[in-house]
Amino acid sequence: MCKLNDWDKSGVAEIIQSLWLNNHNELEHRTRLADLVSSCSYLPSRDASFLEAGCGSGLVYSALVPAVITNYTGIDTSREMLKLANANYPQGKFIYGDIFNLDFPDKSFDIVASFEVLGHLPDIEIPIREMFRVAKKYLIFTIWVSDSDKITEVSYEKHGDVTFLFKKYARDEIAKAIPSGHIVRTQCLSGSCWAYLITI
């Protein structure tokens, strides 16, 4: 199984960035993610503070800034991905950070988002709880969803010499990880990839 630092193994970040850059479907997907952020009722202006947990090489940043938002912070545990993000978009703010233990005070950002990150993690409850903690108004995450409401599907995908965990989470498991008492809106983006938009 992939460990969090496997993204930093030689050449892996470049391989994955190339896949993201050279696939028309990936470009369309990033456009849909920008539209999701635009749809937030709590986006009062482009100056709303925004955290992307798992920013990778910054490609979602390029879809968001400055068209949708300007006050962006991206974090990632992969230092190689962060190197690419800072090289690709030197004007951006990309820093080291761990979604399991976000180094920000409570309610630090108007909007917190994480795109296609949770499906590579062995557990989603702690990351979702941490994103809730630092979000002030809205939380958005995308996740691969299982065909079964109760059974999470586990598989693996290989990039270079590294095998990555790929999970399609059961809807019941996702619902259990979301704190109660919040308005939750879901939207299918493509195939098994669903967006969860949550009012804090």
N, C-alpha and C. Protein backbone atom coordinates (compact mmCIF):
# COMPACT_ATOMS: atom_id res chain seq x y z
N MET A 1 0.84 -1.19 0.00
CA MET A 1 0.00 0.00 0.00
C MET A 1 0.88 1.25 0.00
N CYS A 2 0.35 2.32 -0.56
CA CYS A 2 1.09 3.58 -0.60
C CYS A 2 1.20 4.19 0.79
N LYS A 3 2.41 4.61 1.14
CA LYS A 3 2.61 5.42 2.33
C LYS A 3 2.56 6.87 1.89
N LEU A 4 2.30 7.79 2.83
CA LEU A 4 2.12 9.18 2.45
C LEU A 4 3.34 9.74 1.75
N ASN A 5 4.54 9.28 2.14
CA ASN A 5 5.75 9.84 1.52
C ASN A 5 6.11 9.16 0.20
N ASP A 6 5.33 8.15 -0.24
CA ASP A 6 5.62 7.52 -1.52
C ASP A 6 5.47 8.48 -2.69
N TRP A 7 4.68 9.54 -2.50
CA TRP A 7 4.55 10.55 -3.55
C TRP A 7 5.90 11.22 -3.82
N ASP A 8 6.83 11.12 -2.87
CA ASP A 8 8.12 11.77 -3.02
C ASP A 8 9.20 10.85 -3.59
N LYS A 9 8.84 9.61 -3.89
CA LYS A 9 9.82 8.72 -4.51
C LYS A 9 10.19 9.23 -5.89
N SER A 10 11.39 8.93 -6.32
CA SER A 10 11.98 9.51 -7.52
C SER A 10 11.06 9.43 -8.74
N GLY A 11 10.73 10.59 -9.28
CA GLY A 11 9.99 10.67 -10.53
C GLY A 11 8.49 10.53 -10.43
N VAL A 12 7.97 10.13 -9.27
CA VAL A 12 6.53 9.85 -9.15
C VAL A 12 5.71 11.13 -9.34
N ALA A 13 6.12 12.23 -8.69
CA ALA A 13 5.36 13.48 -8.80
C ALA A 13 5.29 13.94 -10.26
N GLU A 14 6.39 13.82 -10.98
CA GLU A 14 6.40 14.23 -12.38
C GLU A 14 5.51 13.35 -13.24
N ILE A 15 5.51 12.03 -12.97
CA ILE A 15 4.65 11.11 -13.72
C ILE A 15 3.19 11.48 -13.52
N ILE A 16 2.80 11.70 -12.27
CA ILE A 16 1.40 11.99 -11.98
C ILE A 16 1.00 13.36 -12.54
N GLN A 17 1.88 14.35 -12.42
CA GLN A 17 1.56 15.66 -12.99
C GLN A 17 1.37 15.55 -14.50
N SER A 18 2.20 14.77 -15.16
CA SER A 18 2.06 14.60 -16.61
C SER A 18 0.72 13.98 -16.97
N LEU A 19 0.29 13.00 -16.18
CA LEU A 19 -1.03 12.39 -16.41
C LEU A 19 -2.14 13.43 -16.25
N TRP A 20 -2.02 14.26 -15.22
CA TRP A 20 -3.04 15.28 -14.98
C TRP A 20 -3.04 16.36 -16.06
N LEU A 21 -1.86 16.69 -16.58
CA LEU A 21 -1.75 17.76 -17.56
C LEU A 21 -2.19 17.34 -18.96
N ASN A 22 -1.92 16.10 -19.32
CA ASN A 22 -2.07 15.67 -20.71
C ASN A 22 -3.34 14.87 -20.97
N ASN A 23 -4.30 14.99 -20.08
CA ASN A 23 -5.56 14.27 -20.23
C ASN A 23 -6.69 15.29 -20.31
N HIS A 24 -7.40 15.28 -21.44
CA HIS A 24 -8.47 16.26 -21.64
C HIS A 24 -9.55 16.14 -20.56
N ASN A 25 -9.85 14.91 -20.15
CA ASN A 25 -10.86 14.71 -19.11
C ASN A 25 -10.44 15.35 -17.79
N GLU A 26 -9.13 15.31 -17.50
CA GLU A 26 -8.63 15.94 -16.27
C GLU A 26 -8.81 17.45 -16.33
N LEU A 27 -8.56 18.03 -17.50
CA LEU A 27 -8.76 19.48 -17.66
C LEU A 27 -10.22 19.85 -17.46
N GLU A 28 -11.11 19.07 -18.07
CA GLU A 28 -12.54 19.33 -17.88
C GLU A 28 -12.95 19.17 -16.41
N HIS A 29 -12.34 18.20 -15.75
CA HIS A 29 -12.65 17.96 -14.35
C HIS A 29 -12.24 19.15 -13.50
N ARG A 30 -11.07 19.72 -13.76
CA ARG A 30 -10.63 20.89 -12.99
C ARG A 30 -11.57 22.07 -13.21
N THR A 31 -12.11 22.19 -14.41
CA THR A 31 -13.09 23.24 -14.68
C THR A 31 -14.34 23.02 -13.86
N ARG A 32 -14.78 21.76 -13.74
CA ARG A 32 -15.95 21.45 -12.92
C ARG A 32 -15.68 21.77 -11.44
N LEU A 33 -14.46 21.52 -10.98
CA LEU A 33 -14.12 21.84 -9.60
C LEU A 33 -14.19 23.34 -9.35
N ALA A 34 -13.71 24.12 -10.30
CA ALA A 34 -13.80 25.58 -10.17
C ALA A 34 -15.25 26.03 -10.13
N ASP A 35 -16.10 25.39 -10.95
CA ASP A 35 -17.53 25.71 -10.93
C ASP A 35 -18.15 25.37 -9.58
N LEU A 36 -17.71 24.26 -8.97
CA LEU A 36 -18.21 23.89 -7.64
C LEU A 36 -17.92 24.99 -6.63
N VAL A 37 -16.70 25.48 -6.64
CA VAL A 37 -16.33 26.54 -5.70
C VAL A 37 -17.15 27.79 -5.97
N SER A 38 -17.36 28.09 -7.25
CA SER A 38 -18.16 29.26 -7.60
C SER A 38 -19.58 29.15 -7.09
N SER A 39 -20.08 27.92 -6.96
CA SER A 39 -21.48 27.71 -6.56
C SER A 39 -21.70 27.88 -5.06
N CYS A 40 -20.63 28.06 -4.29
CA CYS A 40 -20.77 28.19 -2.84
C CYS A 40 -21.56 29.47 -2.51
N SER A 41 -22.64 29.30 -1.79
CA SER A 41 -23.44 30.47 -1.41
C SER A 41 -22.68 31.38 -0.45
N TYR A 42 -21.64 30.83 0.19
CA TYR A 42 -20.87 31.62 1.14
C TYR A 42 -19.61 32.22 0.52
N LEU A 43 -19.58 32.28 -0.80
CA LEU A 43 -18.44 32.92 -1.46
C LEU A 43 -18.81 34.38 -1.69
N PRO A 44 -18.61 35.24 -0.69
CA PRO A 44 -19.07 36.63 -0.81
C PRO A 44 -18.28 37.43 -1.83
N SER A 45 -17.05 37.03 -2.03
CA SER A 45 -16.21 37.73 -2.99
C SER A 45 -15.03 36.82 -3.32
N ARG A 46 -14.26 37.23 -4.30
CA ARG A 46 -13.08 36.45 -4.66
C ARG A 46 -12.02 36.50 -3.56
N ASP A 47 -12.21 37.38 -2.56
CA ASP A 47 -11.24 37.49 -1.47
C ASP A 47 -11.51 36.51 -0.34
N ALA A 48 -12.56 35.70 -0.44
CA ALA A 48 -12.83 34.72 0.62
C ALA A 48 -11.61 33.82 0.80
N SER A 49 -11.24 33.55 2.05
CA SER A 49 -10.06 32.72 2.31
C SER A 49 -10.36 31.27 1.98
N PHE A 50 -9.43 30.62 1.30
CA PHE A 50 -9.65 29.29 0.73
C PHE A 50 -8.44 28.41 0.99
N LEU A 51 -8.69 27.23 1.55
CA LEU A 51 -7.64 26.25 1.77
C LEU A 51 -7.92 25.02 0.92
N GLU A 52 -6.92 24.60 0.13
CA GLU A 52 -7.00 23.32 -0.57
C GLU A 52 -6.08 22.33 0.13
N ALA A 53 -6.67 21.31 0.73
CA ALA A 53 -5.90 20.27 1.42
C ALA A 53 -5.58 19.16 0.42
N GLY A 54 -4.29 19.05 0.09
CA GLY A 54 -3.87 18.11 -0.95
C GLY A 54 -3.80 18.81 -2.29
N CYS A 55 -2.99 19.87 -2.36
CA CYS A 55 -2.96 20.72 -3.56
C CYS A 55 -2.15 20.13 -4.70
N GLY A 56 -1.37 19.07 -4.42
CA GLY A 56 -0.57 18.46 -5.48
C GLY A 56 0.35 19.47 -6.14
N SER A 57 0.39 19.44 -7.46
CA SER A 57 1.30 20.32 -8.20
C SER A 57 0.66 21.64 -8.59
N GLY A 58 -0.49 21.95 -8.01
CA GLY A 58 -1.09 23.27 -8.18
C GLY A 58 -2.05 23.41 -9.35
N LEU A 59 -2.46 22.32 -9.96
CA LEU A 59 -3.29 22.43 -11.17
C LEU A 59 -4.71 22.93 -10.85
N VAL A 60 -5.25 22.58 -9.69
CA VAL A 60 -6.56 23.14 -9.32
C VAL A 60 -6.41 24.64 -9.03
N TYR A 61 -5.30 25.00 -8.41
CA TYR A 61 -5.01 26.43 -8.20
C TYR A 61 -5.14 27.19 -9.51
N SER A 62 -4.59 26.64 -10.58
CA SER A 62 -4.62 27.36 -11.86
C SER A 62 -6.03 27.51 -12.40
N ALA A 63 -6.94 26.61 -12.02
CA ALA A 63 -8.33 26.72 -12.44
C ALA A 63 -9.11 27.71 -11.58
N LEU A 64 -8.64 27.94 -10.36
CA LEU A 64 -9.37 28.79 -9.41
C LEU A 64 -8.90 30.24 -9.40
N VAL A 65 -7.59 30.44 -9.48
CA VAL A 65 -7.00 31.76 -9.25
C VAL A 65 -6.54 32.36 -10.57
N PRO A 66 -6.91 33.61 -10.87
CA PRO A 66 -7.74 34.53 -10.07
C PRO A 66 -9.21 34.55 -10.49
N ALA A 67 -9.63 33.65 -11.37
CA ALA A 67 -10.99 33.73 -11.91
C ALA A 67 -12.07 33.58 -10.85
N VAL A 68 -11.83 32.70 -9.85
CA VAL A 68 -12.85 32.41 -8.85
C VAL A 68 -12.47 33.00 -7.50
N ILE A 69 -11.22 32.79 -7.08
CA ILE A 69 -10.77 33.27 -5.78
C ILE A 69 -9.37 33.87 -5.91
N THR A 70 -8.99 34.67 -4.95
CA THR A 70 -7.64 35.23 -4.93
C THR A 70 -6.89 34.87 -3.65
N ASN A 71 -7.60 34.62 -2.56
CA ASN A 71 -6.98 34.38 -1.25
C ASN A 71 -6.84 32.87 -1.02
N TYR A 72 -5.87 32.28 -1.69
CA TYR A 72 -5.71 30.82 -1.75
C TYR A 72 -4.49 30.36 -0.96
N THR A 73 -4.65 29.25 -0.22
CA THR A 73 -3.53 28.54 0.40
C THR A 73 -3.66 27.06 0.03
N GLY A 74 -2.57 26.47 -0.42
CA GLY A 74 -2.56 25.04 -0.72
C GLY A 74 -1.57 24.32 0.17
N ILE A 75 -1.98 23.14 0.68
CA ILE A 75 -1.06 22.34 1.48
C ILE A 75 -0.95 20.94 0.89
N ASP A 76 0.17 20.30 1.16
CA ASP A 76 0.37 18.91 0.72
C ASP A 76 1.46 18.28 1.59
N THR A 77 1.41 16.96 1.73
CA THR A 77 2.46 16.25 2.46
C THR A 77 3.62 15.88 1.55
N SER A 78 3.42 16.00 0.24
CA SER A 78 4.48 15.64 -0.70
C SER A 78 5.35 16.86 -1.01
N ARG A 79 6.59 16.79 -0.58
CA ARG A 79 7.48 17.93 -0.85
C ARG A 79 7.82 18.03 -2.33
N GLU A 80 7.81 16.90 -3.03
CA GLU A 80 8.06 16.94 -4.48
C GLU A 80 6.90 17.60 -5.22
N MET A 81 5.69 17.30 -4.80
CA MET A 81 4.53 17.97 -5.40
C MET A 81 4.57 19.47 -5.11
N LEU A 82 4.95 19.83 -3.89
CA LEU A 82 5.05 21.25 -3.53
C LEU A 82 6.12 21.96 -4.35
N LYS A 83 7.22 21.26 -4.62
CA LYS A 83 8.25 21.86 -5.49
C LYS A 83 7.69 22.17 -6.86
N LEU A 84 6.93 21.22 -7.41
CA LEU A 84 6.31 21.44 -8.72
C LEU A 84 5.31 22.59 -8.65
N ALA A 85 4.49 22.62 -7.60
CA ALA A 85 3.49 23.69 -7.48
C ALA A 85 4.16 25.05 -7.41
N ASN A 86 5.21 25.17 -6.61
CA ASN A 86 5.90 26.45 -6.49
C ASN A 86 6.63 26.84 -7.76
N ALA A 87 7.12 25.84 -8.50
CA ALA A 87 7.77 26.13 -9.78
C ALA A 87 6.74 26.53 -10.84
N ASN A 88 5.60 25.83 -10.82
CA ASN A 88 4.56 26.11 -11.82
C ASN A 88 3.89 27.46 -11.58
N TYR A 89 3.66 27.78 -10.31
CA TYR A 89 2.88 28.98 -9.96
C TYR A 89 3.58 29.70 -8.80
N PRO A 90 4.70 30.37 -9.10
CA PRO A 90 5.49 30.99 -8.02
C PRO A 90 4.73 32.08 -7.27
N GLN A 91 3.67 32.58 -7.85
CA GLN A 91 2.87 33.60 -7.17
C GLN A 91 1.91 33.00 -6.15
N GLY A 92 1.75 31.67 -6.15
CA GLY A 92 0.82 31.01 -5.25
C GLY A 92 1.43 30.76 -3.87
N LYS A 93 0.57 30.35 -2.95
CA LYS A 93 1.02 30.00 -1.59
C LYS A 93 0.80 28.51 -1.39
N PHE A 94 1.90 27.75 -1.48
CA PHE A 94 1.87 26.30 -1.34
C PHE A 94 2.83 25.91 -0.21
N ILE A 95 2.30 25.28 0.83
CA ILE A 95 3.12 24.97 1.99
C ILE A 95 2.89 23.53 2.44
N TYR A 96 3.83 23.04 3.22
CA TYR A 96 3.70 21.68 3.76
C TYR A 96 2.57 21.65 4.79
N GLY A 97 1.75 20.60 4.73
CA GLY A 97 0.68 20.44 5.71
C GLY A 97 0.10 19.04 5.64
N ASP A 98 -0.41 18.58 6.76
CA ASP A 98 -0.93 17.22 6.89
C ASP A 98 -2.42 17.27 7.17
N ILE A 99 -3.23 16.69 6.29
CA ILE A 99 -4.69 16.72 6.43
C ILE A 99 -5.16 16.01 7.69
N PHE A 100 -4.32 15.12 8.25
CA PHE A 100 -4.67 14.44 9.50
C PHE A 100 -4.44 15.31 10.72
N ASN A 101 -3.70 16.40 10.54
CA ASN A 101 -3.38 17.29 11.67
C ASN A 101 -3.08 18.68 11.11
N LEU A 102 -4.12 19.40 10.73
CA LEU A 102 -3.95 20.69 10.08
C LEU A 102 -3.41 21.71 11.07
N ASP A 103 -2.35 22.38 10.68
CA ASP A 103 -1.65 23.30 11.56
C ASP A 103 -2.22 24.71 11.42
N PHE A 104 -3.52 24.82 11.65
CA PHE A 104 -4.22 26.11 11.59
C PHE A 104 -5.20 26.18 12.76
N PRO A 105 -5.46 27.38 13.25
CA PRO A 105 -6.47 27.53 14.30
C PRO A 105 -7.87 27.18 13.79
N ASP A 106 -8.79 26.97 14.70
CA ASP A 106 -10.18 26.73 14.34
C ASP A 106 -10.72 27.88 13.48
N LYS A 107 -11.54 27.50 12.49
CA LYS A 107 -12.24 28.47 11.63
C LYS A 107 -11.27 29.47 10.98
N SER A 108 -10.20 28.95 10.41
CA SER A 108 -9.19 29.80 9.79
C SER A 108 -9.56 30.23 8.37
N PHE A 109 -10.39 29.43 7.69
CA PHE A 109 -10.66 29.69 6.28
C PHE A 109 -12.17 29.69 6.02
N ASP A 110 -12.59 30.62 5.16
CA ASP A 110 -14.00 30.64 4.77
C ASP A 110 -14.42 29.33 4.13
N ILE A 111 -13.57 28.84 3.24
CA ILE A 111 -13.85 27.61 2.51
C ILE A 111 -12.65 26.68 2.60
N VAL A 112 -12.89 25.42 2.93
CA VAL A 112 -11.86 24.39 2.90
C VAL A 112 -12.28 23.35 1.89
N ALA A 113 -11.33 22.92 1.07
CA ALA A 113 -11.65 21.96 0.01
C ALA A 113 -10.57 20.91 -0.10
N SER A 114 -10.97 19.74 -0.56
CA SER A 114 -10.03 18.66 -0.83
C SER A 114 -10.58 17.86 -2.00
N PHE A 115 -9.79 17.75 -3.04
CA PHE A 115 -10.25 17.15 -4.29
C PHE A 115 -9.47 15.86 -4.59
N GLU A 116 -10.20 14.73 -4.65
CA GLU A 116 -9.63 13.42 -4.98
C GLU A 116 -8.46 13.03 -4.08
N VAL A 117 -8.49 13.45 -2.85
CA VAL A 117 -7.46 13.10 -1.88
C VAL A 117 -7.92 11.95 -0.99
N LEU A 118 -9.17 12.03 -0.52
CA LEU A 118 -9.65 11.09 0.48
C LEU A 118 -9.61 9.64 0.01
N GLY A 119 -9.78 9.42 -1.27
CA GLY A 119 -9.77 8.06 -1.80
C GLY A 119 -8.41 7.39 -1.76
N HIS A 120 -7.36 8.17 -1.49
CA HIS A 120 -6.02 7.60 -1.36
C HIS A 120 -5.64 7.40 0.11
N LEU A 121 -6.58 7.65 1.01
CA LEU A 121 -6.28 7.56 2.44
C LEU A 121 -6.96 6.34 3.05
N PRO A 122 -6.32 5.72 4.04
CA PRO A 122 -6.91 4.54 4.67
C PRO A 122 -8.11 4.87 5.56
N ASP A 123 -8.24 6.14 5.94
CA ASP A 123 -9.31 6.55 6.85
C ASP A 123 -9.73 7.96 6.47
N ILE A 124 -11.03 8.24 6.53
CA ILE A 124 -11.49 9.59 6.18
C ILE A 124 -12.05 10.37 7.37
N GLU A 125 -12.30 9.71 8.47
CA GLU A 125 -12.97 10.38 9.59
C GLU A 125 -12.12 11.51 10.16
N ILE A 126 -10.85 11.25 10.42
CA ILE A 126 -9.98 12.28 10.99
C ILE A 126 -9.75 13.42 10.01
N PRO A 127 -9.41 13.15 8.74
CA PRO A 127 -9.25 14.27 7.80
C PRO A 127 -10.50 15.14 7.66
N ILE A 128 -11.68 14.51 7.59
CA ILE A 128 -12.90 15.30 7.47
C ILE A 128 -13.13 16.13 8.73
N ARG A 129 -12.88 15.54 9.89
CA ARG A 129 -13.02 16.27 11.15
C ARG A 129 -12.07 17.46 11.20
N GLU A 130 -10.83 17.27 10.74
CA GLU A 130 -9.86 18.37 10.74
C GLU A 130 -10.27 19.48 9.77
N MET A 131 -10.79 19.10 8.60
CA MET A 131 -11.23 20.13 7.65
C MET A 131 -12.41 20.90 8.21
N PHE A 132 -13.34 20.20 8.87
CA PHE A 132 -14.44 20.89 9.53
C PHE A 132 -13.91 21.88 10.56
N ARG A 133 -12.92 21.48 11.31
CA ARG A 133 -12.40 22.33 12.39
C ARG A 133 -11.88 23.66 11.87
N VAL A 134 -11.17 23.64 10.75
CA VAL A 134 -10.55 24.88 10.26
C VAL A 134 -11.43 25.65 9.29
N ALA A 135 -12.59 25.08 8.92
CA ALA A 135 -13.50 25.76 8.00
C ALA A 135 -14.46 26.66 8.76
N LYS A 136 -14.70 27.83 8.20
CA LYS A 136 -15.60 28.78 8.85
C LYS A 136 -17.01 28.72 8.26
N LYS A 137 -17.10 28.53 6.94
CA LYS A 137 -18.41 28.64 6.29
C LYS A 137 -18.77 27.45 5.40
N TYR A 138 -17.79 26.86 4.75
CA TYR A 138 -18.11 25.83 3.77
C TYR A 138 -16.99 24.81 3.70
N LEU A 139 -17.37 23.55 3.54
CA LEU A 139 -16.41 22.48 3.27
C LEU A 139 -16.84 21.78 1.99
N ILE A 140 -15.88 21.59 1.09
CA ILE A 140 -16.13 20.86 -0.15
C ILE A 140 -15.10 19.75 -0.24
N PHE A 141 -15.56 18.53 -0.48
CA PHE A 141 -14.60 17.49 -0.83
C PHE A 141 -15.18 16.61 -1.91
N THR A 142 -14.29 16.07 -2.72
CA THR A 142 -14.70 15.09 -3.71
C THR A 142 -14.12 13.74 -3.30
N ILE A 143 -14.87 12.71 -3.62
CA ILE A 143 -14.50 11.38 -3.16
C ILE A 143 -15.08 10.35 -4.13
N TRP A 144 -14.37 9.25 -4.30
CA TRP A 144 -14.89 8.17 -5.13
C TRP A 144 -15.86 7.36 -4.28
N VAL A 145 -17.05 7.13 -4.81
CA VAL A 145 -18.13 6.52 -4.05
C VAL A 145 -18.42 5.12 -4.60
N SER A 146 -18.56 4.18 -3.68
CA SER A 146 -18.85 2.80 -4.02
C SER A 146 -20.28 2.66 -4.56
N ASP A 147 -20.51 1.63 -5.36
CA ASP A 147 -21.87 1.32 -5.80
C ASP A 147 -22.74 0.84 -4.65
N SER A 148 -22.09 0.37 -3.61
CA SER A 148 -22.81 -0.12 -2.43
C SER A 148 -22.87 0.97 -1.36
N ASP A 149 -24.04 1.10 -0.71
CA ASP A 149 -24.15 2.06 0.39
C ASP A 149 -23.34 1.63 1.60
N LYS A 150 -23.04 0.34 1.70
CA LYS A 150 -22.45 -0.19 2.93
C LYS A 150 -21.04 -0.76 2.77
N ILE A 151 -20.61 -1.03 1.54
CA ILE A 151 -19.32 -1.70 1.34
C ILE A 151 -18.34 -0.77 0.63
N THR A 152 -17.22 -0.48 1.29
CA THR A 152 -16.15 0.31 0.68
C THR A 152 -15.29 -0.61 -0.18
N GLU A 153 -15.05 -0.18 -1.42
CA GLU A 153 -14.27 -0.99 -2.35
C GLU A 153 -12.81 -0.55 -2.32
N VAL A 154 -11.92 -1.50 -2.16
CA VAL A 154 -10.49 -1.20 -2.06
C VAL A 154 -9.77 -1.79 -3.26
N SER A 155 -8.97 -0.97 -3.93
CA SER A 155 -8.13 -1.44 -5.02
C SER A 155 -6.84 -0.63 -5.00
N TYR A 156 -6.00 -0.85 -5.99
CA TYR A 156 -4.70 -0.18 -6.03
C TYR A 156 -4.40 0.23 -7.46
N GLU A 157 -3.64 1.31 -7.60
CA GLU A 157 -3.19 1.74 -8.92
C GLU A 157 -1.69 2.01 -8.84
N LYS A 158 -1.02 1.76 -9.95
CA LYS A 158 0.45 1.85 -9.96
C LYS A 158 0.89 3.02 -10.85
N HIS A 159 1.82 3.81 -10.31
CA HIS A 159 2.46 4.88 -11.06
C HIS A 159 3.96 4.76 -10.83
N GLY A 160 4.70 4.53 -11.91
CA GLY A 160 6.13 4.28 -11.76
C GLY A 160 6.32 3.01 -10.95
N ASP A 161 7.16 3.08 -9.94
CA ASP A 161 7.41 1.92 -9.08
C ASP A 161 6.57 1.92 -7.82
N VAL A 162 5.57 2.80 -7.76
CA VAL A 162 4.80 2.96 -6.53
C VAL A 162 3.35 2.52 -6.74
N THR A 163 2.84 1.77 -5.80
CA THR A 163 1.45 1.34 -5.82
C THR A 163 0.66 2.18 -4.82
N PHE A 164 -0.43 2.80 -5.29
CA PHE A 164 -1.23 3.70 -4.49
C PHE A 164 -2.57 3.07 -4.13
N LEU A 165 -2.99 3.33 -2.91
CA LEU A 165 -4.31 2.93 -2.46
C LEU A 165 -5.37 3.71 -3.23
N PHE A 166 -6.44 3.02 -3.64
CA PHE A 166 -7.55 3.66 -4.34
C PHE A 166 -8.84 3.10 -3.74
N LYS A 167 -9.57 3.95 -3.01
CA LYS A 167 -10.76 3.48 -2.31
C LYS A 167 -12.01 4.19 -2.84
N LYS A 168 -13.04 3.39 -3.07
CA LYS A 168 -14.37 3.92 -3.31
C LYS A 168 -15.15 3.72 -2.01
N TYR A 169 -15.44 4.81 -1.34
CA TYR A 169 -16.03 4.71 -0.01
C TYR A 169 -17.53 4.49 -0.09
N ALA A 170 -18.04 3.66 0.82
CA ALA A 170 -19.48 3.43 0.95
C ALA A 170 -20.14 4.72 1.43
N ARG A 171 -21.34 4.99 0.92
CA ARG A 171 -22.04 6.21 1.32
C ARG A 171 -22.27 6.26 2.83
N ASP A 172 -22.56 5.11 3.42
CA ASP A 172 -22.78 5.08 4.87
C ASP A 172 -21.53 5.49 5.63
N GLU A 173 -20.36 5.07 5.13
CA GLU A 173 -19.11 5.44 5.80
C GLU A 173 -18.82 6.92 5.66
N ILE A 174 -19.13 7.48 4.49
CA ILE A 174 -18.95 8.92 4.29
C ILE A 174 -19.88 9.70 5.21
N ALA A 175 -21.16 9.28 5.24
CA ALA A 175 -22.14 9.98 6.08
C ALA A 175 -21.74 9.94 7.56
N LYS A 176 -21.19 8.81 7.99
CA LYS A 176 -20.76 8.67 9.38
C LYS A 176 -19.62 9.62 9.72
N ALA A 177 -18.78 9.93 8.73
CA ALA A 177 -17.62 10.80 8.97
C ALA A 177 -17.99 12.28 9.02
N ILE A 178 -19.18 12.63 8.53
CA ILE A 178 -19.61 14.03 8.49
C ILE A 178 -20.35 14.37 9.78
N PRO A 179 -19.87 15.35 10.54
CA PRO A 179 -20.58 15.72 11.77
C PRO A 179 -22.04 16.07 11.50
N SER A 180 -22.91 15.69 12.39
CA SER A 180 -24.34 15.91 12.19
C SER A 180 -24.69 17.39 12.36
N GLY A 181 -25.87 17.75 11.85
CA GLY A 181 -26.37 19.10 12.03
C GLY A 181 -25.95 20.07 10.96
N HIS A 182 -25.46 19.57 9.82
CA HIS A 182 -25.02 20.45 8.75
C HIS A 182 -25.82 20.15 7.48
N ILE A 183 -25.97 21.16 6.65
CA ILE A 183 -26.62 20.98 5.35
C ILE A 183 -25.62 20.38 4.39
N VAL A 184 -25.96 19.21 3.84
CA VAL A 184 -25.06 18.50 2.94
C VAL A 184 -25.71 18.41 1.56
N ARG A 185 -25.01 18.88 0.56
CA ARG A 185 -25.47 18.74 -0.83
C ARG A 185 -24.47 17.88 -1.58
N THR A 186 -24.95 16.94 -2.36
CA THR A 186 -24.06 16.08 -3.14
C THR A 186 -24.31 16.28 -4.62
N GLN A 187 -23.25 16.02 -5.39
CA GLN A 187 -23.34 16.19 -6.83
C GLN A 187 -22.38 15.22 -7.50
N CYS A 188 -22.88 14.47 -8.47
CA CYS A 188 -22.00 13.57 -9.22
C CYS A 188 -21.21 14.38 -10.23
N LEU A 189 -19.89 14.26 -10.20
CA LEU A 189 -19.04 14.97 -11.16
C LEU A 189 -18.80 14.13 -12.40
N SER A 190 -18.49 12.86 -12.19
CA SER A 190 -18.28 11.93 -13.31
C SER A 190 -18.08 10.54 -12.74
N GLY A 191 -18.73 9.56 -13.34
CA GLY A 191 -18.56 8.19 -12.91
C GLY A 191 -18.81 8.03 -11.42
N SER A 192 -17.80 7.53 -10.71
CA SER A 192 -17.93 7.31 -9.27
C SER A 192 -17.45 8.49 -8.44
N CYS A 193 -17.04 9.58 -9.07
CA CYS A 193 -16.53 10.74 -8.35
C CYS A 193 -17.68 11.69 -7.98
N TRP A 194 -17.88 11.86 -6.67
CA TRP A 194 -18.95 12.71 -6.17
C TRP A 194 -18.38 13.86 -5.37
N ALA A 195 -19.08 14.98 -5.43
CA ALA A 195 -18.73 16.15 -4.62
C ALA A 195 -19.70 16.25 -3.46
N TYR A 196 -19.16 16.56 -2.29
CA TYR A 196 -19.94 16.84 -1.09
C TYR A 196 -19.71 18.32 -0.73
N LEU A 197 -20.78 19.09 -0.73
CA LEU A 197 -20.72 20.50 -0.39
C LEU A 197 -21.49 20.71 0.91
N ILE A 198 -20.79 21.15 1.93
CA ILE A 198 -21.34 21.14 3.29
C ILE A 198 -21.30 22.55 3.88
N THR A 199 -22.45 23.01 4.32
CA THR A 199 -22.54 24.29 5.01
C THR A 199 -22.18 24.09 6.48
N ILE A 200 -21.24 24.88 6.97
CA ILE A 200 -20.76 24.73 8.34
C ILE A 200 -21.76 25.39 9.30
